[in-house]
């Protein structure tokens, strides 16, 4: 997850420097069919990667919580028998 954030930060910094005018060659790069700058597309992809990773971790966390609860209930049931 930290790598996605670092990559996103680097792309955002490059995008800012391009908009300010320090990196004019990057500002001229365009994605053919989308008519968007390359950095905008990279920011979008990195953001989607971070969002996907977060959703996966949330789902995995809920599964772990449910598995732990099942184990607790099974232990309680064995004690009552």
Protein backbone atom coordinates (compact mmCIF):
# COMPACT_ATOMS: atom_id res chain seq x y z
CA UNK A 1 0.00 0.00 0.00
CA UNK A 2 2.81 2.39 0.82
CA UNK A 3 4.26 1.90 -2.68
CA UNK A 4 0.99 3.03 -4.27
CA UNK A 5 1.00 6.16 -2.11
CA UNK A 6 4.64 6.93 -2.93
CA UNK A 7 4.05 6.41 -6.64
CA UNK A 8 0.99 8.63 -6.52
CA UNK A 9 2.93 11.34 -4.68
CA UNK A 10 5.73 11.26 -7.28
CA UNK A 11 3.27 11.48 -10.17
CA UNK A 12 1.42 14.37 -8.51
CA UNK A 13 4.70 16.23 -7.96
CA UNK A 14 5.67 15.70 -11.60
CA UNK A 15 2.23 16.88 -12.68
CA UNK A 16 2.59 20.03 -10.59
CA UNK A 17 6.04 20.76 -11.97
CA UNK A 18 4.69 20.25 -15.45
CA UNK A 19 1.80 22.67 -14.83
CA UNK A 20 4.14 25.30 -13.39
CA UNK A 21 6.32 25.05 -16.48
CA UNK A 22 9.47 23.47 -15.10
CA UNK A 23 8.95 20.25 -17.09
CA UNK A 24 7.41 21.38 -20.39
CA UNK A 25 8.24 18.14 -22.23
CA UNK A 26 5.96 16.14 -19.90
CA UNK A 27 3.10 18.61 -20.41
CA UNK A 28 3.14 17.93 -24.15
CA UNK A 29 2.75 14.14 -23.83
CA UNK A 30 -0.83 13.10 -24.61
CA UNK A 31 -2.66 9.77 -24.56
CA UNK A 32 -3.97 9.28 -28.13
CA UNK A 33 -7.66 8.38 -27.79
CA UNK A 34 -8.39 10.02 -24.46
CA UNK A 35 -6.97 13.49 -25.25
CA UNK A 36 -5.57 13.65 -21.73
CA UNK A 37 -2.05 14.19 -20.50
CA UNK A 38 0.00 11.13 -19.59
CA UNK A 39 0.38 12.33 -16.00
CA UNK A 40 -3.39 12.68 -15.60
CA UNK A 41 -3.82 9.10 -16.73
CA UNK A 42 -1.11 7.91 -14.33
CA UNK A 43 -2.74 9.78 -11.44
CA UNK A 44 -6.06 8.14 -12.30
CA UNK A 45 -4.52 4.66 -12.46
CA UNK A 46 -2.63 5.09 -9.18
CA UNK A 47 -5.76 6.37 -7.45
CA UNK A 48 -7.74 3.39 -8.74
CA UNK A 49 -4.98 1.08 -7.48
CA UNK A 50 -5.09 2.61 -4.01
CA UNK A 51 -8.89 2.44 -3.93
CA UNK A 52 -8.90 -1.20 -5.05
CA UNK A 53 -6.30 -2.14 -2.46
CA UNK A 54 -8.25 -0.40 0.31
CA UNK A 55 -11.48 -2.14 -0.65
CA UNK A 56 -9.70 -5.51 -0.73
CA UNK A 57 -8.20 -4.92 2.73
CA UNK A 58 -11.55 -3.86 4.18
CA UNK A 59 -13.20 -7.01 2.84
CA UNK A 60 -10.35 -9.16 4.16
CA UNK A 61 -10.60 -7.45 7.56
CA UNK A 62 -14.32 -8.18 7.81
CA UNK A 63 -13.65 -11.82 6.95
CA UNK A 64 -11.01 -12.05 9.68
CA UNK A 65 -13.38 -10.53 12.23
CA UNK A 66 -16.11 -13.02 11.33
CA UNK A 67 -13.67 -15.95 11.48
CA UNK A 68 -12.51 -14.86 14.94
CA UNK A 69 -16.12 -14.55 16.11
CA UNK A 70 -16.91 -18.06 14.84
CA UNK A 71 -13.97 -19.45 16.82
CA UNK A 72 -15.15 -17.67 19.97
CA UNK A 73 -18.67 -19.03 19.56
CA UNK A 74 -17.37 -22.58 18.96
CA UNK A 75 -15.31 -22.37 22.16
CA UNK A 76 -18.33 -21.13 24.10
CA UNK A 77 -20.43 -23.96 22.68
CA UNK A 78 -17.83 -26.59 23.67
CA UNK A 79 -17.77 -25.22 27.22
CA UNK A 80 -21.54 -25.61 27.52
CA UNK A 81 -21.54 -29.23 26.34
